[in-house]
Every structure is written in structure tokens, then in C-alpha cells.
Amino acid sequence: MPKMKSKRGLMKRIKVTGSGKVTRHHAYVSHLAPHKTTKQKRHLMKSASVHHTDYKRIKFLIIK
């Protein structure tokens, strides 16, 4: 049986830290940005960790 491939689309969108946490980017940053406040756009640019309820699903998709 061949190795399972990881989902490349997901691998481009997340990063696994050294401690095993999964980080992601926020949505709603680029499109329709002029009406958003500067503070809102600044906070959206920062990366965020994936919610703990999604860990099991994501770990399955990034198995190499």
C-alpha cells in the first residue's frame, strides 16, 4: 500500500510550530479592506492558532 499524501492545499495555508501547534492566517484581510479600521486590519494580519476542536481533523490531513 502506498504512502498517504498530505493535502497540499492545506499545507500551503498552515504551519506546524516546533511544539506541535498549528498556526493559520486570518480571513477577511485583503478583500473589501478600505472600510475596515486600521486596528482591525492590523489584528487580522497576525497569525492565529487553530482551534483545539480542529486539531484531530487537521492532523489527519497533514499526515505524510
Protein backbone atom coordinates (compact mmCIF):
# COMPACT_ATOMS: atom_id res chain seq x y z
CA MET A 1 0.00 0.00 0.00
CA PRO A 2 1.48 3.39 -0.94
CA LYS A 3 2.08 6.20 1.49
CA MET A 4 -0.77 8.60 2.15
CA LYS A 5 -0.26 12.01 0.62
CA SER A 6 -0.77 15.13 2.67
CA LYS A 7 -3.31 17.68 1.44
CA ARG A 8 -1.09 20.20 -0.34
CA GLY A 9 -3.73 22.93 -0.30
CA LEU A 10 -3.85 22.79 3.48
CA MET A 11 -0.08 22.61 3.80
CA LYS A 12 0.17 25.94 1.98
CA ARG A 13 -2.22 27.56 4.46
CA ILE A 14 -0.92 26.35 7.83
CA LYS A 15 2.37 25.99 9.65
CA VAL A 16 3.24 23.48 12.35
CA THR A 17 5.33 25.01 15.12
CA GLY A 18 8.14 23.28 16.94
CA SER A 19 5.89 22.44 19.87
CA GLY A 20 3.33 20.83 17.55
CA LYS A 21 0.77 23.63 17.48
CA VAL A 22 -0.81 24.55 14.17
CA THR A 23 -0.95 28.21 13.12
CA ARG A 24 -3.10 29.76 10.43
CA HIS A 25 -3.82 33.13 8.86
CA HIS A 26 -6.97 35.18 9.39
CA ALA A 27 -9.56 35.66 6.70
CA TYR A 28 -11.15 38.97 5.60
CA VAL A 29 -7.84 40.81 5.20
CA SER A 30 -7.46 41.66 1.52
CA HIS A 31 -10.96 41.90 0.07
CA LEU A 32 -13.11 44.97 0.88
CA ALA A 33 -10.38 46.27 3.17
CA PRO A 34 -10.90 50.07 2.87
CA HIS A 35 -13.98 50.14 5.09
CA LYS A 36 -12.22 48.18 7.86
CA THR A 37 -10.43 50.09 10.59
CA THR A 38 -6.64 50.12 10.77
CA LYS A 39 -6.78 48.29 14.08
CA GLN A 40 -8.98 45.58 12.60
CA LYS A 41 -6.64 45.04 9.64
CA ARG A 42 -3.58 45.03 11.90
CA HIS A 43 -5.05 42.33 14.11
CA LEU A 44 -6.17 40.27 11.11
CA MET A 45 -2.63 40.25 9.67
CA LYS A 46 -1.29 38.37 12.70
CA SER A 47 -1.31 34.60 12.65
CA ALA A 48 -3.58 32.65 14.94
CA SER A 49 -3.55 29.14 16.30
CA VAL A 50 -6.03 26.57 15.05
CA HIS A 51 -8.87 25.86 17.46
CA HIS A 52 -8.40 22.74 19.55
CA THR A 53 -11.56 21.16 18.14
CA ASP A 54 -9.99 21.16 14.66
CA TYR A 55 -6.67 19.53 15.65
CA LYS A 56 -7.76 15.94 15.02
CA ARG A 57 -9.11 16.74 11.55
CA ILE A 58 -6.08 18.78 10.53
CA LYS A 59 -3.54 16.28 11.86
CA PHE A 60 -5.20 13.61 9.73
CA LEU A 61 -4.97 15.78 6.60
CA ILE A 62 -1.28 16.65 7.04
CA ILE A 63 -0.06 13.11 7.70
CA LYS A 64 2.91 12.40 5.48
